């Protein structure tokens, strides 16, 4: 009932505004007919008073093209009376002596009325058609803009601009958080200040799917108007209008159509986000299970070895050679366990971004000797060949990080290369870069594996060496932390070549030398 009263009030205001404009048009029609009569007054005493009727018909037709029906009817009636009073003999009286003049007068009156009415009606239909065309064109552009928008923020920006352009309304949106609950701290495209009472009204509008606030039958004492965004599957939220503008029936229909397009666009983006979240959660769950199973498997093997060897040593006396073998198994399993834990910790450091390299000058000979000594047992089954030029410049690196890089690359070579085969470490300098290469005679990598080799948790299909797939991703992260890069390629006669490039920074040494002089 209140809503009907608001519509009635709107219509009354519309009629008042229209009435004011009509008064001006009535005055204009009287003025134009008066001026026409004054201009044609020289013809009043001549037989050509029929010409005046044609002139008056032309003026009425002209007025009908831009005035409303009321002023046009006034102009038609007034022109007939003026023609009778001033131009049809006898003058200055409404009496007509001749029968043909009487007939002519009534024909003139009817033709003037019909001409004015029909012209006005045609103009009105043309205006309605033009307005419909404008609304259709506006809805088309609105649909196009919303379809081009990607993401909720872009849709909101387009919606705010569209509502401002077509309806002169300032708008804000409060959207739900994905759990069908409005939260004022989320999804606000612009900062707005809302009281707790207004926020409760927004929640009521969202939950009840009804308009609320000013100019509605619900909570009309507030200063804002709340429009629920209604979708097919989910309701995205609530739009808040800040204005006293009253829609006409046609504007209301246009607004509802535009608002429905905005609601559908927001619903589309919401559903897209929900699908993306579901996909991410699904992938995260798969990754968690894969990682958990892999870590459990990789940790179980060395732990089982340590437990078994320790239990054997504790439960009985064994010859010295058996004890030595058991001690070696415990030591090897401990190294493997330590390597797994180190890789997990290093990956955690890379992911958190907490790695800050401590760059210092070091000799590449010291770096390679340290790593080869640490891997002496693992390298025993292979022939390690090291090639370092005598004039090799110093490296400015984080020694600990680069030690871990070479350690992982050599472990990788030991796991894939055939026993008794050669493993090379080559270093050389070209211009402003220092190269370190690790080469082996293993099976190499497929083109598909090359693309993902440095990704975390990636393991080559069919690889029986185990591991978590973290070693090479750690290599890449640590090399890049030292301002370098690492690549891999297959060798022509079989095997893989890992190439590390590190900036030589020799210009810094030259600058230091010049300063000491």
Protein backbone atom coordinates (compact mmCIF):
# COMPACT_ATOMS: atom_id res chain seq x y z
CA UNK A 1 0.00 0.00 0.00
CA UNK A 2 2.80 2.38 0.88
CA UNK A 3 4.52 1.51 -2.39
CA UNK A 4 1.35 2.45 -4.32
CA UNK A 5 1.23 5.74 -2.47
CA UNK A 6 4.82 6.45 -3.49
CA UNK A 7 3.94 5.73 -7.13
CA UNK A 8 0.93 8.06 -6.88
CA UNK A 9 3.12 10.76 -5.40
CA UNK A 10 5.58 10.32 -8.24
CA UNK A 11 2.83 10.62 -10.84
CA UNK A 12 1.43 13.76 -9.18
CA UNK A 13 4.85 15.41 -9.20
CA UNK A 14 5.27 14.43 -12.81
CA UNK A 15 1.93 16.00 -13.71
CA UNK A 16 2.75 19.19 -11.80
CA UNK A 17 6.00 19.55 -13.71
CA UNK A 18 4.19 18.82 -16.98
CA UNK A 19 1.48 21.37 -16.11
CA UNK A 20 4.07 24.09 -15.59
CA UNK A 21 5.63 23.37 -18.95
CA UNK A 22 2.16 23.37 -20.58
CA UNK A 23 1.38 26.88 -19.29
CA UNK A 24 4.39 28.18 -21.15
CA UNK A 25 3.29 26.31 -24.26
CA UNK A 26 -0.27 27.73 -24.02
CA UNK A 27 1.13 31.23 -23.79
CA UNK A 28 3.41 30.53 -26.75
CA UNK A 29 0.50 29.26 -28.91
CA UNK A 30 -1.59 32.38 -28.09
CA UNK A 31 1.37 34.64 -28.86
CA UNK A 32 2.13 32.97 -32.20
CA UNK A 33 -1.52 33.06 -33.37
CA UNK A 34 -1.71 36.73 -32.30
CA UNK A 35 1.44 37.64 -34.24
CA UNK A 36 0.17 35.76 -37.29
CA UNK A 37 -3.13 37.64 -37.12
CA UNK A 38 -1.27 40.95 -36.89
CA UNK A 39 0.91 40.08 -39.89
CA UNK A 40 -2.12 39.03 -41.96
CA UNK A 41 -4.26 42.06 -40.94
CA UNK A 42 -3.69 43.88 -44.31
CA UNK A 43 -5.61 41.05 -45.99
CA UNK A 44 -8.74 41.57 -43.89
CA UNK A 45 -10.41 44.01 -46.38
CA UNK A 46 -9.52 42.06 -49.53
CA UNK A 47 -11.12 39.06 -51.23
CA UNK A 48 -8.01 37.08 -50.33
CA UNK A 49 -9.09 36.26 -46.78
CA UNK A 50 -9.08 32.57 -47.82
CA UNK A 51 -5.32 32.83 -48.07
CA UNK A 52 -5.25 33.73 -44.37
CA UNK A 53 -6.86 30.40 -43.55
CA UNK A 54 -4.02 28.58 -45.31
CA UNK A 55 -1.45 30.66 -43.46
CA UNK A 56 -3.13 29.89 -40.13
CA UNK A 57 -3.28 26.16 -40.99
CA UNK A 58 0.47 26.24 -41.72
CA UNK A 59 1.16 27.95 -38.39
CA UNK A 60 -0.96 25.42 -36.48
CA UNK A 61 0.84 22.54 -38.24
CA UNK A 62 4.17 24.11 -37.34
CA UNK A 63 3.18 24.51 -33.68
CA UNK A 64 2.02 20.88 -33.59
CA UNK A 65 5.54 19.66 -34.38
CA UNK A 66 6.97 20.86 -31.05
CA UNK A 67 4.02 21.60 -28.71
CA UNK A 68 1.79 19.27 -26.71
CA UNK A 69 -1.77 18.38 -27.70
CA UNK A 70 -3.43 20.93 -25.39
CA UNK A 71 -1.63 24.01 -26.73
CA UNK A 72 -2.15 22.73 -30.29
CA UNK A 73 -5.92 22.40 -29.73
CA UNK A 74 -5.96 25.93 -28.30
CA UNK A 75 -4.05 27.21 -31.33
CA UNK A 76 -6.47 25.43 -33.70
CA UNK A 77 -9.56 26.83 -31.96
CA UNK A 78 -8.06 30.28 -31.59
CA UNK A 79 -7.01 30.43 -35.26
CA UNK A 80 -10.57 29.51 -36.36
CA UNK A 81 -12.09 32.20 -34.13
CA UNK A 82 -9.52 34.78 -35.23
CA UNK A 83 -10.12 34.01 -38.90
CA UNK A 84 -13.88 34.33 -38.38
CA UNK A 85 -13.70 37.51 -36.29
CA UNK A 86 -11.12 39.50 -38.24
CA UNK A 87 -11.17 38.18 -41.80
CA UNK A 88 -14.60 36.68 -42.75
CA UNK A 89 -17.12 39.39 -43.63
CA UNK A 90 -18.75 41.00 -41.78
CA UNK A 91 -15.59 41.90 -39.79
CA UNK A 92 -15.31 42.09 -36.02
CA UNK A 93 -18.26 39.77 -35.48
CA UNK A 94 -18.74 36.04 -35.29
CA UNK A 95 -21.74 36.24 -37.66
CA UNK A 96 -21.19 34.71 -41.11
CA UNK A 97 -23.52 35.76 -43.95
CA UNK A 98 -22.55 33.47 -46.82
CA UNK A 99 -23.27 29.76 -46.73
CA UNK A 100 -19.98 28.93 -48.43
CA UNK A 101 -18.13 30.95 -45.79
CA UNK A 102 -19.94 29.00 -43.07
CA UNK A 103 -18.94 25.74 -44.71
CA UNK A 104 -15.39 27.02 -45.18
CA UNK A 105 -15.21 28.05 -41.53
CA UNK A 106 -16.28 24.64 -40.21
CA UNK A 107 -13.97 22.86 -42.64
CA UNK A 108 -11.14 25.10 -41.53
CA UNK A 109 -11.91 24.38 -37.86
CA UNK A 110 -12.08 20.59 -38.36
CA UNK A 111 -8.98 20.49 -40.57
CA UNK A 112 -7.02 22.60 -38.08
CA UNK A 113 -8.03 20.33 -35.19
CA UNK A 114 -7.32 17.10 -37.06
CA UNK A 115 -4.06 18.40 -38.44
CA UNK A 116 -2.89 19.52 -35.00
CA UNK A 117 -3.99 16.31 -33.27
CA UNK A 118 -2.49 13.98 -35.88
CA UNK A 119 0.77 15.91 -36.08
CA UNK A 120 1.08 15.91 -32.29
CA UNK A 121 0.30 12.21 -32.10
CA UNK A 122 2.91 11.40 -34.76
CA UNK A 123 5.45 13.52 -32.89
CA UNK A 124 4.60 11.74 -29.63
CA UNK A 125 4.97 8.31 -31.24
CA UNK A 126 8.27 9.38 -32.72
CA UNK A 127 9.45 10.58 -29.32
CA UNK A 128 8.44 7.30 -27.69
CA UNK A 129 10.20 5.34 -30.41
CA UNK A 130 13.30 7.49 -29.94
CA UNK A 131 13.25 6.94 -26.18
CA UNK A 132 12.82 3.19 -26.63
CA UNK A 133 15.70 3.17 -29.08
CA UNK A 134 17.88 5.08 -26.62
CA UNK A 135 17.00 2.66 -23.80
CA UNK A 136 17.63 -0.35 -26.03
CA UNK A 137 20.94 1.12 -27.14
CA UNK A 138 21.86 1.89 -23.53
CA UNK A 139 21.05 -1.69 -22.47
CA UNK A 140 23.13 -2.99 -25.39
CA UNK A 141 26.14 -0.89 -24.35
CA UNK A 142 25.58 -1.89 -20.73
CA UNK A 143 25.58 -5.58 -21.70
CA UNK A 144 28.74 -5.09 -23.75
CA UNK A 145 30.56 -3.24 -20.96
CA UNK A 146 29.62 -5.85 -18.37
CA UNK A 147 30.61 -8.71 -20.68
CA UNK A 148 34.03 -7.13 -21.22
CA UNK A 149 34.58 -6.65 -17.48
CA UNK A 150 36.79 -9.33 -15.98
CA UNK A 151 36.56 -9.88 -12.26
CA UNK A 152 34.20 -8.52 -9.63
CA UNK A 153 36.07 -5.23 -9.19
CA UNK A 154 35.80 -4.37 -12.89
CA UNK A 155 32.10 -5.27 -12.95
CA UNK A 156 31.49 -3.03 -9.93
CA UNK A 157 33.40 -0.15 -11.52
CA UNK A 158 31.34 -0.48 -14.73
CA UNK A 159 28.08 -0.73 -12.77
CA UNK A 160 28.81 2.40 -10.71
CA UNK A 161 29.70 4.34 -13.87
CA UNK A 162 26.59 3.11 -15.72
CA UNK A 163 24.20 3.98 -12.88
CA UNK A 164 25.80 7.41 -12.54
CA UNK A 165 25.55 8.07 -16.30
CA UNK A 166 21.98 6.89 -16.94
CA UNK A 167 20.26 7.58 -13.62
CA UNK A 168 22.39 10.33 -12.01
CA UNK A 169 22.74 8.21 -8.85
CA UNK A 170 25.77 7.75 -6.60
CA UNK A 171 26.03 4.07 -5.77
CA UNK A 172 27.95 1.74 -3.48
CA UNK A 173 27.83 -2.02 -3.24
CA UNK A 174 28.10 -4.40 -0.32
CA UNK A 175 28.69 -7.93 -1.55
CA UNK A 176 28.58 -11.20 0.27
CA UNK A 177 31.75 -13.03 1.25
CA UNK A 178 30.96 -16.27 -0.59
CA UNK A 179 29.18 -17.84 2.36
CA UNK A 180 25.93 -15.97 1.71
CA UNK A 181 26.70 -13.44 4.45
CA UNK A 182 27.14 -9.69 3.97
CA UNK A 183 30.35 -8.30 5.42
CA UNK A 184 30.94 -4.58 5.34
CA UNK A 185 34.72 -5.03 5.49
CA UNK A 186 34.81 -6.93 2.19
CA UNK A 187 34.02 -6.16 -1.42
CA UNK A 188 33.54 -2.42 -0.92
CA UNK A 189 34.59 -0.63 -4.13
CA UNK A 190 34.74 2.68 -2.29
CA UNK A 191 34.93 3.63 1.32
CA UNK A 192 31.46 4.37 2.67
CA UNK A 193 30.34 5.18 6.15
CA UNK A 194 27.38 3.18 7.36
CA UNK A 195 25.80 3.14 10.76
CA UNK A 196 24.98 -0.14 12.43
CA UNK A 197 21.29 0.51 11.78
CA UNK A 198 21.87 1.02 8.05
CA UNK A 199 24.00 -2.09 7.89
CA UNK A 200 21.17 -4.06 9.52
CA UNK A 201 18.78 -2.68 6.87
CA UNK A 202 21.18 -3.85 4.14
CA UNK A 203 21.25 -7.32 5.70
CA UNK A 204 17.44 -7.32 5.89
CA UNK A 205 17.17 -6.33 2.21
CA UNK A 206 19.67 -9.04 1.26
CA UNK A 207 17.96 -11.78 3.29
CA UNK A 208 14.39 -10.85 2.31
CA UNK A 209 15.15 -9.97 -1.33
CA UNK A 210 13.19 -6.71 -1.06
CA UNK A 211 13.94 -3.04 -1.54
CA UNK A 212 14.34 -1.09 1.67
CA UNK A 213 15.11 2.39 2.89
CA UNK A 214 14.07 5.75 1.51
CA UNK A 215 11.13 5.86 -0.92
CA UNK A 216 10.12 2.27 -0.09
CA UNK A 217 7.66 0.66 2.32
CA UNK A 218 10.48 -0.90 4.40
CA UNK A 219 12.53 1.23 6.83
CA UNK A 220 11.62 4.42 4.96
CA UNK A 221 13.07 6.70 7.67
CA UNK A 222 16.67 6.12 6.54
CA UNK A 223 18.49 8.40 4.10
CA UNK A 224 19.58 5.64 1.68
CA UNK A 225 17.78 3.22 -0.60
CA UNK A 226 18.83 -0.43 -0.60
CA UNK A 227 18.33 -2.62 -3.68
CA UNK A 228 19.05 -6.38 -3.36
CA UNK A 229 21.12 -7.89 -6.16
CA UNK A 230 19.12 -10.96 -7.15
CA UNK A 231 20.72 -13.80 -9.11
CA UNK A 232 19.50 -17.13 -10.41
CA UNK A 233 21.64 -19.30 -8.10
CA UNK A 234 23.17 -16.88 -5.62
CA UNK A 235 22.43 -13.30 -4.59
CA UNK A 236 25.65 -11.27 -4.89
CA UNK A 237 24.75 -8.54 -2.38
CA UNK A 238 23.07 -5.14 -2.03
CA UNK A 239 23.33 -1.84 -3.94
CA UNK A 240 23.00 1.41 -1.96
CA UNK A 241 21.68 4.56 -3.66
CA UNK A 242 22.34 8.08 -2.35
CA UNK A 243 19.70 10.30 -4.00
CA UNK A 244 16.20 11.76 -3.75
CA UNK A 245 15.45 11.07 -7.43
CA UNK A 246 12.01 9.57 -8.06
CA UNK A 247 11.74 7.23 -11.04
CA UNK A 248 8.86 7.46 -13.48
CA UNK A 249 7.23 4.20 -14.57
CA UNK A 250 9.37 4.11 -17.74
CA UNK A 251 12.56 4.94 -15.83
CA UNK A 252 11.70 2.27 -13.27
CA UNK A 253 11.37 -0.35 -16.03
CA UNK A 254 14.67 0.76 -17.60
CA UNK A 255 16.38 0.72 -14.20
CA UNK A 256 15.09 -2.77 -13.38
CA UNK A 257 16.39 -4.11 -16.70
CA UNK A 258 19.81 -2.52 -16.20
CA UNK A 259 19.93 -3.65 -12.57
CA UNK A 260 19.14 -7.23 -13.60
CA UNK A 261 22.08 -7.17 -16.05
CA UNK A 262 24.38 -5.92 -13.29
CA UNK A 263 23.14 -8.61 -10.89
CA UNK A 264 23.68 -11.33 -13.51
CA UNK A 265 27.21 -10.08 -14.26
CA UNK A 266 28.11 -10.09 -10.56
CA UNK A 267 26.59 -13.54 -10.13
CA UNK A 268 28.65 -14.77 -13.08
CA UNK A 269 31.87 -13.50 -11.50
CA UNK A 270 30.89 -14.93 -8.10
CA UNK A 271 30.29 -18.35 -9.60
CA UNK A 272 33.59 -18.11 -11.46
CA UNK A 273 35.39 -17.31 -8.20
CA UNK A 274 33.68 -20.19 -6.43
CA UNK A 275 34.69 -22.58 -9.22
CA UNK A 276 38.26 -21.27 -9.05
CA UNK A 277 38.35 -21.67 -5.26
CA UNK A 278 36.96 -25.18 -5.56
CA UNK A 279 39.59 -26.03 -8.16
CA UNK A 280 42.40 -24.58 -6.02
CA UNK A 281 41.16 -26.46 -2.96
CA UNK A 282 40.96 -29.67 -4.97
CA UNK A 283 44.46 -29.20 -6.34
CA UNK A 284 45.75 -28.29 -2.89
CA UNK A 285 44.18 -31.43 -1.46
CA UNK A 286 45.77 -33.57 -4.17
CA UNK A 287 49.13 -31.86 -3.64
CA UNK A 288 48.85 -32.33 0.11
CA UNK A 289 48.10 -36.04 -0.26
CA UNK A 290 50.90 -36.52 -2.81
CA UNK A 291 53.39 -34.61 -0.69
CA UNK A 292 52.33 -36.36 2.49
CA UNK A 293 52.63 -39.80 0.90
CA UNK A 294 55.96 -38.90 -0.68
CA UNK A 295 57.43 -37.47 2.52
CA UNK A 296 56.13 -40.43 4.53
CA UNK A 297 57.71 -42.86 2.06
CA UNK A 298 61.02 -41.02 1.82
CA UNK A 299 61.33 -40.59 5.58
CA UNK A 300 60.25 -44.15 6.33
CA UNK A 301 63.14 -45.74 4.40
CA UNK A 302 66.09 -44.11 6.27
CA UNK A 303 64.26 -44.29 9.60
CA UNK A 304 63.55 -47.99 9.09
CA UNK A 305 67.20 -48.54 8.16
CA UNK A 306 68.40 -46.73 11.28
CA UNK A 307 65.97 -48.61 13.52
CA UNK A 308 66.81 -51.98 12.01
CA UNK A 309 70.57 -51.53 12.18
CA UNK A 310 70.40 -50.09 15.70
CA UNK A 311 68.17 -52.94 16.91
CA UNK A 312 70.58 -55.48 15.42
CA UNK A 313 73.52 -53.85 17.20
CA UNK A 314 71.69 -53.66 20.51
CA UNK A 315 70.18 -57.16 20.61
CA UNK A 316 73.32 -59.19 20.06
CA UNK A 317 77.08 -59.45 19.65
CA UNK A 318 78.37 -59.39 16.09
CA UNK A 319 81.75 -59.64 14.43
CA UNK A 320 83.64 -56.42 13.89
CA UNK A 321 83.03 -56.41 10.12
CA UNK A 322 79.23 -56.79 10.66
CA UNK A 323 79.23 -53.98 13.20
CA UNK A 324 81.15 -51.76 10.79
CA UNK A 325 78.63 -52.50 8.01
CA UNK A 326 75.73 -51.73 10.33
CA UNK A 327 77.39 -48.48 11.43
CA UNK A 328 77.85 -47.53 7.79
CA UNK A 329 74.15 -48.23 7.08
CA UNK A 330 73.13 -46.04 10.02
CA UNK A 331 75.44 -43.27 8.85
CA UNK A 332 74.25 -43.47 5.20
CA UNK A 333 70.60 -43.48 6.27
CA UNK A 334 71.25 -40.53 8.59
CA UNK A 335 72.81 -38.59 5.71
CA UNK A 336 69.80 -39.34 3.51
CA UNK A 337 67.42 -38.30 6.28
CA UNK A 338 69.39 -35.12 6.87
CA UNK A 339 69.34 -34.36 3.12
CA UNK A 340 65.54 -34.69 3.01
CA UNK A 341 65.12 -32.40 6.01
CA UNK A 342 67.58 -29.87 4.56
CA UNK A 343 65.66 -29.77 1.28
CA UNK A 344 62.36 -29.22 3.08
CA UNK A 345 63.86 -26.43 5.19
CA UNK A 346 65.50 -24.81 2.16
CA UNK A 347 62.24 -24.91 0.18
CA UNK A 348 60.48 -23.32 3.15
CA UNK A 349 63.05 -20.53 3.16
CA UNK A 350 62.59 -19.98 -0.58
CA UNK A 351 58.79 -19.94 -0.31
CA UNK A 352 58.83 -17.46 2.58
CA UNK A 353 61.31 -15.16 0.81
CA UNK A 354 63.56 -15.05 3.87
CA UNK A 355 66.76 -15.91 1.99
CA UNK A 356 69.21 -13.01 2.12
CA UNK A 357 72.48 -14.05 0.45
CA UNK A 358 75.70 -12.99 2.15
CA UNK A 359 77.92 -12.34 -0.84
CA UNK A 360 81.66 -12.61 -0.36
CA UNK A 361 84.70 -13.34 -2.50
CA UNK A 362 85.73 -17.00 -2.69
CA UNK A 363 87.85 -19.31 -4.78
CA UNK A 364 85.96 -21.77 -6.98
CA UNK A 365 88.58 -24.43 -6.08
CA UNK A 366 87.60 -24.18 -2.42
CA UNK A 367 83.92 -24.51 -3.30
CA UNK A 368 84.34 -27.63 -5.46
CA UNK A 369 86.80 -29.27 -3.04
CA UNK A 370 84.39 -28.77 -0.16
CA UNK A 371 81.44 -30.33 -2.00
CA UNK A 372 83.42 -33.25 -3.45
CA UNK A 373 84.82 -34.01 0.01
CA UNK A 374 81.33 -34.02 1.56
CA UNK A 375 80.15 -36.43 -1.17
CA UNK A 376 83.23 -38.64 -1.10
CA UNK A 377 81.27 -41.81 -0.34
CA UNK A 378 78.55 -41.08 -2.93
CA UNK A 379 81.18 -40.35 -5.61
CA UNK A 380 83.26 -43.49 -5.02
CA UNK A 381 81.47 -45.56 -7.70
CA UNK A 382 82.16 -42.84 -10.32
CA UNK A 383 85.11 -41.09 -11.89
CA UNK A 384 84.93 -37.43 -10.85
CA UNK A 385 86.79 -35.18 -13.30
CA UNK A 386 87.35 -31.53 -12.38
CA UNK A 387 88.48 -28.88 -14.87
CA UNK A 388 89.41 -25.45 -13.46
CA UNK A 389 91.59 -22.99 -15.43
CA UNK A 390 94.62 -21.58 -13.58
CA UNK A 391 93.56 -17.99 -14.20
CA UNK A 392 90.03 -18.55 -12.92
CA UNK A 393 88.79 -15.31 -11.30
CA UNK A 394 87.28 -15.17 -7.83
CA UNK A 395 83.54 -15.55 -7.33
CA UNK A 396 81.40 -13.17 -5.26
CA UNK A 397 78.74 -15.52 -3.94
CA UNK A 398 77.08 -16.86 -0.83
CA UNK A 399 79.39 -19.82 -0.21
CA UNK A 400 76.79 -21.82 1.76
CA UNK A 401 74.04 -21.44 -0.86
CA UNK A 402 76.32 -22.33 -3.79
CA UNK A 403 77.67 -25.28 -1.82
CA UNK A 404 74.09 -26.58 -1.54
CA UNK A 405 73.59 -25.99 -5.30
CA UNK A 406 76.60 -28.11 -6.29
CA UNK A 407 75.71 -30.67 -3.64
CA UNK A 408 72.21 -31.19 -5.11
CA UNK A 409 73.48 -31.31 -8.70
CA UNK A 410 76.17 -33.89 -7.89
CA UNK A 411 73.68 -36.00 -5.90
CA UNK A 412 71.35 -35.84 -8.90
CA UNK A 413 74.19 -37.00 -11.19
CA UNK A 414 75.09 -39.87 -8.82
CA UNK A 415 71.48 -41.07 -8.76
CA UNK A 416 71.10 -41.18 -12.55
CA UNK A 417 74.54 -41.88 -14.00
CA UNK A 418 75.74 -45.48 -14.58
CA UNK A 419 78.28 -46.85 -12.11
CA UNK A 420 81.95 -46.34 -13.17
CA UNK A 421 80.91 -43.59 -15.61
CA UNK A 422 82.48 -40.13 -15.62
CA UNK A 423 81.04 -37.09 -13.86
CA UNK A 424 82.58 -33.78 -14.86
CA UNK A 425 82.77 -30.42 -13.11
CA UNK A 426 83.96 -27.71 -15.48
CA UNK A 427 84.46 -24.03 -14.73
CA UNK A 428 85.43 -21.20 -17.07
CA UNK A 429 84.92 -17.47 -17.53
CA UNK A 430 83.53 -15.68 -20.58
CA UNK A 431 83.48 -11.86 -20.51
CA UNK A 432 81.54 -10.82 -17.38
CA UNK A 433 80.20 -14.28 -16.48
CA UNK A 434 81.60 -17.33 -14.73
CA UNK A 435 80.27 -20.74 -15.77
CA UNK A 436 80.08 -23.90 -13.69
CA UNK A 437 78.97 -27.05 -15.53
CA UNK A 438 77.97 -30.45 -14.10
CA UNK A 439 77.97 -33.21 -16.76
CA UNK A 440 77.05 -36.90 -16.52
CA UNK A 441 76.30 -39.89 -18.74
CA UNK A 442 72.83 -40.62 -17.38
CA UNK A 443 69.67 -41.07 -19.46
CA UNK A 444 69.10 -37.33 -19.90
CA UNK A 445 65.63 -35.77 -19.96
CA UNK A 446 62.66 -35.72 -22.30
CA UNK A 447 61.46 -32.43 -23.80
CA UNK A 448 58.39 -32.51 -21.55
CA UNK A 449 60.54 -33.05 -18.46
CA UNK A 450 62.81 -30.15 -19.49
CA UNK A 451 59.88 -27.73 -19.13
CA UNK A 452 59.14 -28.73 -15.51
CA UNK A 453 62.53 -29.85 -14.28
CA UNK A 454 63.06 -26.91 -11.93
CA UNK A 455 59.48 -26.92 -10.59
CA UNK A 456 59.04 -28.00 -7.01
CA UNK A 457 57.78 -31.54 -6.38
CA UNK A 458 58.41 -32.49 -10.01
CA UNK A 459 59.91 -35.96 -10.48
CA UNK A 460 60.85 -37.55 -13.76
CA UNK A 461 58.45 -40.34 -14.69
CA UNK A 462 59.97 -43.76 -14.09
CA UNK A 463 62.62 -42.38 -11.75
CA UNK A 464 63.45 -45.03 -9.13
CA UNK A 465 65.88 -42.92 -7.12
CA UNK A 466 63.15 -41.51 -4.87
CA UNK A 467 63.29 -38.02 -3.46
CA UNK A 468 60.68 -35.31 -3.07
CA UNK A 469 61.36 -33.49 -6.31
CA UNK A 470 62.77 -30.47 -4.46
CA UNK A 471 66.48 -30.66 -5.25
CA UNK A 472 66.50 -28.90 -8.61
CA UNK A 473 63.92 -26.29 -7.59
CA UNK A 474 66.22 -25.43 -4.67
CA UNK A 475 69.13 -25.23 -7.11
CA UNK A 476 67.25 -22.71 -9.22
CA UNK A 477 66.18 -20.62 -6.21
CA UNK A 478 69.67 -20.50 -4.65
CA UNK A 479 71.39 -19.66 -7.96
CA UNK A 480 68.95 -16.83 -8.60
CA UNK A 481 69.56 -15.59 -5.04
CA UNK A 482 73.22 -15.26 -6.10
CA UNK A 483 72.11 -13.14 -9.12
CA UNK A 484 72.78 -16.01 -11.50
CA UNK A 485 70.85 -18.47 -13.65
CA UNK A 486 70.82 -22.21 -14.27
CA UNK A 487 69.84 -24.16 -17.39
CA UNK A 488 69.93 -27.79 -18.47
CA UNK A 489 70.42 -29.55 -21.80
CA UNK A 490 70.95 -33.07 -23.05
CA UNK A 491 74.39 -34.12 -24.28
CA UNK A 492 74.75 -35.49 -27.80
CA UNK A 493 76.06 -38.90 -26.73
CA UNK A 494 73.78 -39.24 -23.72
CA UNK A 495 73.60 -37.60 -20.35
CA UNK A 496 72.73 -34.16 -19.03
CA UNK A 497 74.61 -30.87 -18.73
CA UNK A 498 73.62 -28.36 -16.02
CA UNK A 499 75.06 -24.88 -16.70
CA UNK A 500 75.30 -22.29 -13.93
CA UNK A 501 76.02 -18.67 -14.87
CA UNK A 502 77.23 -16.25 -12.18
CA UNK A 503 78.21 -12.58 -12.76
CA UNK A 504 81.98 -12.30 -12.31
CA UNK A 505 81.92 -8.79 -10.78
CA UNK A 506 85.56 -8.29 -11.73
CA UNK A 507 84.96 -4.54 -12.04
CA UNK A 508 84.56 -4.44 -8.24
CA UNK A 509 88.01 -6.00 -7.78
CA UNK A 510 89.50 -3.45 -10.19
CA UNK A 511 87.86 -0.60 -8.30
CA UNK A 512 89.21 -1.94 -5.01
CA UNK A 513 92.71 -2.19 -6.52
CA UNK A 514 92.56 1.39 -7.80
CA UNK A 515 91.41 2.63 -4.39
CA UNK A 516 94.36 0.90 -2.67
CA UNK A 517 96.79 2.60 -5.05
